[in-house]
Amino acid sequence: MNIVNVTALAIATLLIGGCADTPLADADFGESVRQMVQAQTLDPAAASNPPALAPAITDGARLEKALEIYRQDVAKGIAEVKQPVVFEIGSKQ
C-alpha cells in the first residue's frame, strides 16, 4: 500500500472511532421547546378549558377596519390570459 492509502485509512478509522460513542439524540430531546412554549403561554390551562362562546365585548371600530381590509384583499374576479402560454422543451434546430 502506498502512503496515501494508509493515511486515508488511518483518518477514516479515527473519524469512525470518534463518532462511535456519540448518542444520536439526548434523553430530553425537545424539552427546551416545550419549556419555551409553556413560558410564553399566558394561561397554560386555557387549552384544556376553552370558553363556550367568543367574548361578548369588542371594539366595533377595530372589527369594521378588519372587515374592510378583508374585503380589499379578496380577489376581484378571474383575470384572463390575453396571450397563449407556450412551453418549449429542448432546443429548436
PDB file of N, CA and C in Angstrom:
ATOM      1  N   MET A   1       0.844  -1.184   0.000  1.00  0.00           N
ATOM      2  CA  MET A   1       0.000   0.000   0.000  1.00  0.00           C
ATOM      3  C   MET A   1       0.884   1.241   0.000  1.00  0.00           C
ATOM      4  N   ASN A   2       0.423   2.216  -0.672  1.00  0.00           N
ATOM      5  CA  ASN A   2       1.224   3.439  -0.668  1.00  0.00           C
ATOM      6  C   ASN A   2       0.812   4.316   0.513  1.00  0.00           C
ATOM      7  N   ILE A   3       1.540   5.372   0.716  1.00  0.00           N
ATOM      8  CA  ILE A   3       1.367   6.230   1.888  1.00  0.00           C
ATOM      9  C   ILE A   3       0.021   6.963   1.890  1.00  0.00           C
ATOM     10  N   VAL A   4      -0.521   7.277   0.703  1.00  0.00           N
ATOM     11  CA  VAL A   4      -1.809   7.977   0.624  1.00  0.00           C
ATOM     12  C   VAL A   4      -2.930   7.069   1.123  1.00  0.00           C
ATOM     13  N   ASN A   5      -2.925   5.812   0.706  1.00  0.00           N
ATOM     14  CA  ASN A   5      -3.961   4.874   1.148  1.00  0.00           C
ATOM     15  C   ASN A   5      -3.885   4.625   2.647  1.00  0.00           C
ATOM     16  N   VAL A   6      -2.681   4.496   3.174  1.00  0.00           N
ATOM     17  CA  VAL A   6      -2.500   4.254   4.605  1.00  0.00           C
ATOM     18  C   VAL A   6      -2.985   5.464   5.402  1.00  0.00           C
ATOM     19  N   THR A   7      -2.665   6.646   4.937  1.00  0.00           N
ATOM     20  CA  THR A   7      -3.095   7.863   5.623  1.00  0.00           C
ATOM     21  C   THR A   7      -4.615   7.996   5.594  1.00  0.00           C
ATOM     22  N   ALA A   8      -5.222   7.747   4.442  1.00  0.00           N
ATOM     23  CA  ALA A   8      -6.682   7.825   4.331  1.00  0.00           C
ATOM     24  C   ALA A   8      -7.353   6.803   5.234  1.00  0.00           C
ATOM     25  N   LEU A   9      -6.817   5.599   5.314  1.00  0.00           N
ATOM     26  CA  LEU A   9      -7.367   4.560   6.172  1.00  0.00           C
ATOM     27  C   LEU A   9      -7.244   4.942   7.646  1.00  0.00           C
ATOM     28  N   ALA A  10      -6.115   5.531   8.009  1.00  0.00           N
ATOM     29  CA  ALA A  10      -5.914   5.951   9.406  1.00  0.00           C
ATOM     30  C   ALA A  10      -6.888   7.061   9.785  1.00  0.00           C
ATOM     31  N   ILE A  11      -7.091   8.026   8.905  1.00  0.00           N
ATOM     32  CA  ILE A  11      -8.013   9.140   9.184  1.00  0.00           C
ATOM     33  C   ILE A  11      -9.440   8.616   9.282  1.00  0.00           C
ATOM     34  N   ALA A  12      -9.829   7.725   8.371  1.00  0.00           N
ATOM     35  CA  ALA A  12     -11.174   7.164   8.402  1.00  0.00           C
ATOM     36  C   ALA A  12     -11.417   6.377   9.682  1.00  0.00           C
ATOM     37  N   THR A  13     -10.419   5.635  10.131  1.00  0.00           N
ATOM     38  CA  THR A  13     -10.542   4.862  11.360  1.00  0.00           C
ATOM     39  C   THR A  13     -10.712   5.785  12.562  1.00  0.00           C
ATOM     40  N   LEU A  14      -9.958   6.877  12.609  1.00  0.00           N
ATOM     41  CA  LEU A  14     -10.083   7.830  13.713  1.00  0.00           C
ATOM     42  C   LEU A  14     -11.443   8.513  13.712  1.00  0.00           C
ATOM     43  N   LEU A  15     -11.932   8.887  12.548  1.00  0.00           N
ATOM     44  CA  LEU A  15     -13.231   9.551  12.465  1.00  0.00           C
ATOM     45  C   LEU A  15     -14.361   8.618  12.880  1.00  0.00           C
ATOM     46  N   ILE A  16     -14.319   7.388  12.410  1.00  0.00           N
ATOM     47  CA  ILE A  16     -15.370   6.429  12.763  1.00  0.00           C
ATOM     48  C   ILE A  16     -15.304   6.102  14.253  1.00  0.00           C
ATOM     49  N   GLY A  17     -14.109   5.939  14.774  1.00  0.00           N
ATOM     50  CA  GLY A  17     -13.947   5.640  16.196  1.00  0.00           C
ATOM     51  C   GLY A  17     -14.374   6.799  17.081  1.00  0.00           C
ATOM     52  N   GLY A  18     -14.162   8.011  16.638  1.00  0.00           N
ATOM     53  CA  GLY A  18     -14.536   9.184  17.423  1.00  0.00           C
ATOM     54  C   GLY A  18     -16.036   9.388  17.506  1.00  0.00           C
ATOM     55  N   CYS A  19     -16.762   8.948  16.496  1.00  0.00           N
ATOM     56  CA  CYS A  19     -18.211   9.122  16.472  1.00  0.00           C
ATOM     57  C   CYS A  19     -18.962   7.919  17.020  1.00  0.00           C
ATOM     58  N   ALA A  20     -18.281   6.875  17.368  1.00  0.00           N
ATOM     59  CA  ALA A  20     -18.943   5.642  17.773  1.00  0.00           C
ATOM     60  C   ALA A  20     -19.710   5.787  19.075  1.00  0.00           C
ATOM     61  N   ASP A  21     -19.209   6.554  20.030  1.00  0.00           N
ATOM     62  CA  ASP A  21     -19.884   6.656  21.313  1.00  0.00           C
ATOM     63  C   ASP A  21     -20.753   7.903  21.445  1.00  0.00           C
ATOM     64  N   THR A  22     -20.938   8.638  20.372  1.00  0.00           N
ATOM     65  CA  THR A  22     -21.777   9.831  20.412  1.00  0.00           C
ATOM     66  C   THR A  22     -23.243   9.408  20.320  1.00  0.00           C
ATOM     67  N   PRO A  23     -24.093   9.818  21.283  1.00  0.00           N
ATOM     68  CA  PRO A  23     -25.510   9.421  21.213  1.00  0.00           C
ATOM     69  C   PRO A  23     -26.205  10.143  20.055  1.00  0.00           C
ATOM     70  N   LEU A  24     -27.178   9.473  19.467  1.00  0.00           N
ATOM     71  CA  LEU A  24     -27.901  10.071  18.347  1.00  0.00           C
ATOM     72  C   LEU A  24     -28.807  11.201  18.804  1.00  0.00           C
ATOM     73  N   ALA A  25     -29.414  11.069  19.965  1.00  0.00           N
ATOM     74  CA  ALA A  25     -30.295  12.116  20.483  1.00  0.00           C
ATOM     75  C   ALA A  25     -30.194  12.139  22.004  1.00  0.00           C
ATOM     76  N   ASP A  26     -30.344  13.307  22.567  1.00  0.00           N
ATOM     77  CA  ASP A  26     -30.329  13.425  24.017  1.00  0.00           C
ATOM     78  C   ASP A  26     -31.605  12.817  24.588  1.00  0.00           C
ATOM     79  N   ALA A  27     -31.559  12.469  25.855  1.00  0.00           N
ATOM     80  CA  ALA A  27     -32.728  11.898  26.509  1.00  0.00           C
ATOM     81  C   ALA A  27     -33.850  12.932  26.627  1.00  0.00           C
ATOM     82  N   ASP A  28     -33.501  14.207  26.772  1.00  0.00           N
ATOM     83  CA  ASP A  28     -34.515  15.258  26.907  1.00  0.00           C
ATOM     84  C   ASP A  28     -34.670  16.044  25.597  1.00  0.00           C
ATOM     85  N   PHE A  29     -34.633  15.334  24.494  1.00  0.00           N
ATOM     86  CA  PHE A  29     -34.757  15.963  23.181  1.00  0.00           C
ATOM     87  C   PHE A  29     -36.115  16.659  23.062  1.00  0.00           C
ATOM     88  N   GLY A  30     -36.119  17.956  22.776  1.00  0.00           N
ATOM     89  CA  GLY A  30     -37.343  18.729  22.613  1.00  0.00           C
ATOM     90  C   GLY A  30     -37.834  19.370  23.896  1.00  0.00           C
ATOM     91  N   GLU A  31     -37.187  19.108  24.995  1.00  0.00           N
ATOM     92  CA  GLU A  31     -37.640  19.665  26.277  1.00  0.00           C
ATOM     93  C   GLU A  31     -37.519  21.177  26.295  1.00  0.00           C
ATOM     94  N   SER A  32     -36.485  21.730  25.674  1.00  0.00           N
ATOM     95  CA  SER A  32     -36.319  23.181  25.676  1.00  0.00           C
ATOM     96  C   SER A  32     -37.447  23.868  24.907  1.00  0.00           C
ATOM     97  N   VAL A  33     -37.927  23.242  23.841  1.00  0.00           N
ATOM     98  CA  VAL A  33     -39.039  23.813  23.085  1.00  0.00           C
ATOM     99  C   VAL A  33     -40.309  23.781  23.920  1.00  0.00           C
ATOM    100  N   ARG A  34     -40.566  22.668  24.582  1.00  0.00           N
ATOM    101  CA  ARG A  34     -41.754  22.569  25.442  1.00  0.00           C
ATOM    102  C   ARG A  34     -41.695  23.597  26.567  1.00  0.00           C
ATOM    103  N   GLN A  35     -40.524  23.795  27.132  1.00  0.00           N
ATOM    104  CA  GLN A  35     -40.365  24.780  28.198  1.00  0.00           C
ATOM    105  C   GLN A  35     -40.631  26.196  27.681  1.00  0.00           C
ATOM    106  N   MET A  36     -40.124  26.500  26.493  1.00  0.00           N
ATOM    107  CA  MET A  36     -40.304  27.833  25.924  1.00  0.00           C
ATOM    108  C   MET A  36     -41.775  28.097  25.612  1.00  0.00           C
ATOM    109  N   VAL A  37     -42.472  27.120  25.047  1.00  0.00           N
ATOM    110  CA  VAL A  37     -43.893  27.292  24.733  1.00  0.00           C
ATOM    111  C   VAL A  37     -44.685  27.498  26.010  1.00  0.00           C
ATOM    112  N   GLN A  38     -44.378  26.746  27.045  1.00  0.00           N
ATOM    113  CA  GLN A  38     -45.081  26.903  28.309  1.00  0.00           C
ATOM    114  C   GLN A  38     -44.812  28.277  28.922  1.00  0.00           C
ATOM    115  N   ALA A  39     -43.578  28.758  28.806  1.00  0.00           N
ATOM    116  CA  ALA A  39     -43.244  30.069  29.371  1.00  0.00           C
ATOM    117  C   ALA A  39     -43.925  31.205  28.609  1.00  0.00           C
ATOM    118  N   GLN A  40     -44.180  31.013  27.313  1.00  0.00           N
ATOM    119  CA  GLN A  40     -44.787  32.069  26.514  1.00  0.00           C
ATOM    120  C   GLN A  40     -46.310  32.007  26.501  1.00  0.00           C
ATOM    121  N   THR A  41     -46.890  30.959  27.064  1.00  0.00           N
ATOM    122  CA  THR A  41     -48.341  30.838  27.112  1.00  0.00           C
ATOM    123  C   THR A  41     -48.855  31.621  28.306  1.00  0.00           C
ATOM    124  N   LEU A  42     -49.821  32.517  28.053  1.00  0.00           N
ATOM    125  CA  LEU A  42     -50.352  33.362  29.111  1.00  0.00           C
ATOM    126  C   LEU A  42     -51.069  32.528  30.166  1.00  0.00           C
ATOM    127  N   ASP A  43     -51.951  31.649  29.736  1.00  0.00           N
ATOM    128  CA  ASP A  43     -52.680  30.788  30.650  1.00  0.00           C
ATOM    129  C   ASP A  43     -52.533  29.355  30.165  1.00  0.00           C
ATOM    130  N   PRO A  44     -51.626  28.573  30.742  1.00  0.00           N
ATOM    131  CA  PRO A  44     -51.400  27.207  30.269  1.00  0.00           C
ATOM    132  C   PRO A  44     -52.638  26.322  30.359  1.00  0.00           C
ATOM    133  N   ALA A  45     -53.578  26.615  31.263  1.00  0.00           N
ATOM    134  CA  ALA A  45     -54.780  25.801  31.412  1.00  0.00           C
ATOM    135  C   ALA A  45     -55.876  26.196  30.424  1.00  0.00           C
ATOM    136  N   ALA A  46     -55.681  27.234  29.640  1.00  0.00           N
ATOM    137  CA  ALA A  46     -56.713  27.708  28.719  1.00  0.00           C
ATOM    138  C   ALA A  46     -57.017  26.696  27.628  1.00  0.00           C
ATOM    139  N   ALA A  47     -56.035  25.959  27.164  1.00  0.00           N
ATOM    140  CA  ALA A  47     -56.261  24.979  26.102  1.00  0.00           C
ATOM    141  C   ALA A  47     -57.137  23.831  26.582  1.00  0.00           C
ATOM    142  N   SER A  48     -57.056  23.482  27.852  1.00  0.00           N
ATOM    143  CA  SER A  48     -57.868  22.380  28.365  1.00  0.00           C
ATOM    144  C   SER A  48     -59.271  22.829  28.764  1.00  0.00           C
ATOM    145  N   ASN A  49     -59.492  24.133  28.956  1.00  0.00           N
ATOM    146  CA  ASN A  49     -60.802  24.677  29.332  1.00  0.00           C
ATOM    147  C   ASN A  49     -61.166  25.849  28.425  1.00  0.00           C
ATOM    148  N   PRO A  50     -61.476  25.593  27.146  1.00  0.00           N
ATOM    149  CA  PRO A  50     -61.792  26.714  26.253  1.00  0.00           C
ATOM    150  C   PRO A  50     -63.163  27.299  26.580  1.00  0.00           C
ATOM    151  N   PRO A  51     -63.370  28.595  26.317  1.00  0.00           N
ATOM    152  CA  PRO A  51     -64.680  29.204  26.574  1.00  0.00           C
ATOM    153  C   PRO A  51     -65.720  28.662  25.580  1.00  0.00           C
ATOM    154  N   ALA A  52     -66.969  28.584  26.027  1.00  0.00           N
ATOM    155  CA  ALA A  52     -68.035  28.058  25.166  1.00  0.00           C
ATOM    156  C   ALA A  52     -68.359  29.035  24.038  1.00  0.00           C
ATOM    157  N   LEU A  53     -68.305  30.330  24.324  1.00  0.00           N
ATOM    158  CA  LEU A  53     -68.622  31.354  23.332  1.00  0.00           C
ATOM    159  C   LEU A  53     -67.468  32.340  23.212  1.00  0.00           C
ATOM    160  N   ALA A  54     -67.451  33.067  22.126  1.00  0.00           N
ATOM    161  CA  ALA A  54     -66.451  34.111  21.940  1.00  0.00           C
ATOM    162  C   ALA A  54     -66.735  35.253  22.909  1.00  0.00           C
ATOM    163  N   PRO A  55     -65.775  36.105  23.187  1.00  0.00           N
ATOM    164  CA  PRO A  55     -66.013  37.239  24.084  1.00  0.00           C
ATOM    165  C   PRO A  55     -67.142  38.121  23.568  1.00  0.00           C
ATOM    166  N   ALA A  56     -68.010  38.590  24.469  1.00  0.00           N
ATOM    167  CA  ALA A  56     -69.167  39.402  24.084  1.00  0.00           C
ATOM    168  C   ALA A  56     -68.791  40.859  23.857  1.00  0.00           C
ATOM    169  N   ILE A  57     -67.697  41.309  24.432  1.00  0.00           N
ATOM    170  CA  ILE A  57     -67.304  42.715  24.330  1.00  0.00           C
ATOM    171  C   ILE A  57     -66.156  42.842  23.340  1.00  0.00           C
ATOM    172  N   THR A  58     -66.280  43.785  22.410  1.00  0.00           N
ATOM    173  CA  THR A  58     -65.211  44.034  21.461  1.00  0.00           C
ATOM    174  C   THR A  58     -65.304  45.477  20.993  1.00  0.00           C
ATOM    175  N   ASP A  59     -64.312  45.893  20.258  1.00  0.00           N
ATOM    176  CA  ASP A  59     -64.265  47.253  19.732  1.00  0.00           C
ATOM    177  C   ASP A  59     -64.849  47.238  18.314  1.00  0.00           C
ATOM    178  N   GLY A  60     -65.963  47.912  18.112  1.00  0.00           N
ATOM    179  CA  GLY A  60     -66.633  47.918  16.811  1.00  0.00           C
ATOM    180  C   GLY A  60     -65.783  48.516  15.706  1.00  0.00           C
ATOM    181  N   ALA A  61     -65.039  49.559  16.028  1.00  0.00           N
ATOM    182  CA  ALA A  61     -64.197  50.200  15.011  1.00  0.00           C
ATOM    183  C   ALA A  61     -63.087  49.252  14.554  1.00  0.00           C
ATOM    184  N   ARG A  62     -62.551  48.493  15.485  1.00  0.00           N
ATOM    185  CA  ARG A  62     -61.496  47.540  15.138  1.00  0.00           C
ATOM    186  C   ARG A  62     -62.045  46.446  14.228  1.00  0.00           C
ATOM    187  N   LEU A  63     -63.239  45.931  14.536  1.00  0.00           N
ATOM    188  CA  LEU A  63     -63.841  44.896  13.710  1.00  0.00           C
ATOM    189  C   LEU A  63     -64.216  45.432  12.327  1.00  0.00           C
ATOM    190  N   GLU A  64     -64.695  46.676  12.270  1.00  0.00           N
ATOM    191  CA  GLU A  64     -65.048  47.272  10.980  1.00  0.00           C
ATOM    192  C   GLU A  64     -63.809  47.427  10.101  1.00  0.00           C
ATOM    193  N   LYS A  65     -62.700  47.860  10.690  1.00  0.00           N
ATOM    194  CA  LYS A  65     -61.449  48.005   9.939  1.00  0.00           C
ATOM    195  C   LYS A  65     -60.951  46.641   9.457  1.00  0.00           C
ATOM    196  N   ALA A  66     -61.061  45.623  10.294  1.00  0.00           N
ATOM    197  CA  ALA A  66     -60.633  44.282   9.902  1.00  0.00           C
ATOM    198  C   ALA A  66     -61.473  43.769   8.737  1.00  0.00           C
ATOM    199  N   LEU A  67     -62.788  44.015   8.767  1.00  0.00           N
ATOM    200  CA  LEU A  67     -63.659  43.592   7.680  1.00  0.00           C
ATOM    201  C   LEU A  67     -63.349  44.349   6.394  1.00  0.00           C
ATOM    202  N   GLU A  68     -63.059  45.634   6.519  1.00  0.00           N
ATOM    203  CA  GLU A  68     -62.709  46.444   5.349  1.00  0.00           C
ATOM    204  C   GLU A  68     -61.420  45.940   4.686  1.00  0.00           C
ATOM    205  N   ILE A  69     -60.426  45.636   5.493  1.00  0.00           N
ATOM    206  CA  ILE A  69     -59.160  45.119   4.960  1.00  0.00           C
ATOM    207  C   ILE A  69     -59.379  43.750   4.332  1.00  0.00           C
ATOM    208  N   TYR A  70     -60.218  42.919   4.959  1.00  0.00           N
ATOM    209  CA  TYR A  70     -60.505  41.595   4.402  1.00  0.00           C
ATOM    210  C   TYR A  70     -61.160  41.722   3.034  1.00  0.00           C
ATOM    211  N   ARG A  71     -62.099  42.621   2.904  1.00  0.00           N
ATOM    212  CA  ARG A  71     -62.795  42.784   1.627  1.00  0.00           C
ATOM    213  C   ARG A  71     -61.879  43.339   0.545  1.00  0.00           C
ATOM    214  N   GLN A  72     -60.884  44.130   0.908  1.00  0.00           N
ATOM    215  CA  GLN A  72     -59.941  44.652  -0.082  1.00  0.00           C
ATOM    216  C   GLN A  72     -59.003  43.553  -0.573  1.00  0.00           C
ATOM    217  N   ASP A  73     -58.707  42.590   0.285  1.00  0.00           N
ATOM    218  CA  ASP A  73     -57.783  41.529  -0.078  1.00  0.00           C
ATOM    219  C   ASP A  73     -58.417  40.446  -0.946  1.00  0.00           C
ATOM    220  N   VAL A  74     -59.740  40.377  -0.973  1.00  0.00           N
ATOM    221  CA  VAL A  74     -60.423  39.354  -1.755  1.00  0.00           C
ATOM    222  C   VAL A  74     -60.227  39.651  -3.237  1.00  0.00           C
ATOM    223  N   ALA A  75     -60.011  38.616  -4.012  1.00  0.00           N
ATOM    224  CA  ALA A  75     -59.771  38.789  -5.454  1.00  0.00           C
ATOM    225  C   ALA A  75     -60.984  39.434  -6.127  1.00  0.00           C
ATOM    226  N   LYS A  76     -60.729  40.223  -7.145  1.00  0.00           N
ATOM    227  CA  LYS A  76     -61.780  40.949  -7.850  1.00  0.00           C
ATOM    228  C   LYS A  76     -62.300  40.171  -9.057  1.00  0.00           C
ATOM    229  N   GLY A  77     -62.119  38.901  -9.093  1.00  0.00           N
ATOM    230  CA  GLY A  77     -62.573  38.110 -10.221  1.00  0.00           C
ATOM    231  C   GLY A  77     -61.403  37.367 -10.832  1.00  0.00           C
ATOM    232  N   ILE A  78     -61.675  36.703 -11.933  1.00  0.00           N
ATOM    233  CA  ILE A  78     -60.649  35.913 -12.592  1.00  0.00           C
ATOM    234  C   ILE A  78     -60.059  36.734 -13.736  1.00  0.00           C
ATOM    235  N   ALA A  79     -58.769  36.864 -13.765  1.00  0.00           N
ATOM    236  CA  ALA A  79     -58.086  37.580 -14.838  1.00  0.00           C
ATOM    237  C   ALA A  79     -57.785  36.587 -15.961  1.00  0.00           C
ATOM    238  N   GLU A  80     -58.206  36.940 -17.155  1.00  0.00           N
ATOM    239  CA  GLU A  80     -57.964  36.060 -18.289  1.00  0.00           C
ATOM    240  C   GLU A  80     -56.613  36.369 -18.910  1.00  0.00           C
ATOM    241  N   VAL A  81     -55.960  35.344 -19.396  1.00  0.00           N
ATOM    242  CA  VAL A  81     -54.674  35.496 -20.046  1.00  0.00           C
ATOM    243  C   VAL A  81     -54.927  35.900 -21.491  1.00  0.00           C
ATOM    244  N   LYS A  82     -54.336  37.005 -21.907  1.00  0.00           N
ATOM    245  CA  LYS A  82     -54.570  37.524 -23.255  1.00  0.00           C
ATOM    246  C   LYS A  82     -53.754  36.782 -24.310  1.00  0.00           C
ATOM    247  N   GLN A  83     -52.581  36.353 -23.956  1.00  0.00           N
ATOM    248  CA  GLN A  83     -51.721  35.649 -24.904  1.00  0.00           C
ATOM    249  C   GLN A  83     -51.635  34.189 -24.481  1.00  0.00           C
ATOM    250  N   PRO A  84     -51.525  33.294 -25.446  1.00  0.00           N
ATOM    251  CA  PRO A  84     -51.401  31.880 -25.066  1.00  0.00           C
ATOM    252  C   PRO A  84     -50.043  31.614 -24.411  1.00  0.00           C
ATOM    253  N   VAL A  85     -50.058  30.717 -23.473  1.00  0.00           N
ATOM    254  CA  VAL A  85     -48.838  30.334 -22.781  1.00  0.00           C
ATOM    255  C   VAL A  85     -48.224  29.148 -23.533  1.00  0.00           C
ATOM    256  N   VAL A  86     -46.973  29.282 -23.933  1.00  0.00           N
ATOM    257  CA  VAL A  86     -46.302  28.242 -24.710  1.00  0.00           C
ATOM    258  C   VAL A  86     -45.110  27.733 -23.926  1.00  0.00           C
ATOM    259  N   PHE A  87     -45.051  26.438 -23.735  1.00  0.00           N
ATOM    260  CA  PHE A  87     -43.919  25.810 -23.070  1.00  0.00           C
ATOM    261  C   PHE A  87     -43.122  25.056 -24.109  1.00  0.00           C
ATOM    262  N   GLU A  88     -41.831  25.296 -24.125  1.00  0.00           N
ATOM    263  CA  GLU A  88     -40.952  24.620 -25.072  1.00  0.00           C
ATOM    264  C   GLU A  88     -39.968  23.765 -24.305  1.00  0.00           C
ATOM    265  N   ILE A  89     -39.827  22.532 -24.732  1.00  0.00           N
ATOM    266  CA  ILE A  89     -38.882  21.620 -24.100  1.00  0.00           C
ATOM    267  C   ILE A  89     -37.818  21.274 -25.132  1.00  0.00           C
ATOM    268  N   GLY A  90     -36.580  21.412 -24.740  1.00  0.00           N
ATOM    269  CA  GLY A  90     -35.481  21.127 -25.661  1.00  0.00           C
ATOM    270  C   GLY A  90     -35.133  22.361 -26.457  1.00  0.00           C
ATOM    271  N   SER A  91     -34.319  22.174 -27.463  1.00  0.00           N
ATOM    272  CA  SER A  91     -33.876  23.313 -28.275  1.00  0.00           C
ATOM    273  C   SER A  91     -34.379  23.142 -29.703  1.00  0.00           C
ATOM    274  N   LYS A  92     -34.666  24.274 -30.304  1.00  0.00           N
ATOM    275  CA  LYS A  92     -35.083  24.253 -31.710  1.00  0.00           C
ATOM    276  C   LYS A  92     -33.852  24.265 -32.602  1.00  0.00           C
ATOM    277  N   GLN A  93     -33.910  23.470 -33.670  1.00  0.00           N
ATOM    278  CA  GLN A  93     -32.777  23.449 -34.585  1.00  0.00           C
ATOM    279  C   GLN A  93     -33.237  23.599 -35.991  1.00  0.00           C
TER     280      GLN A  93
END
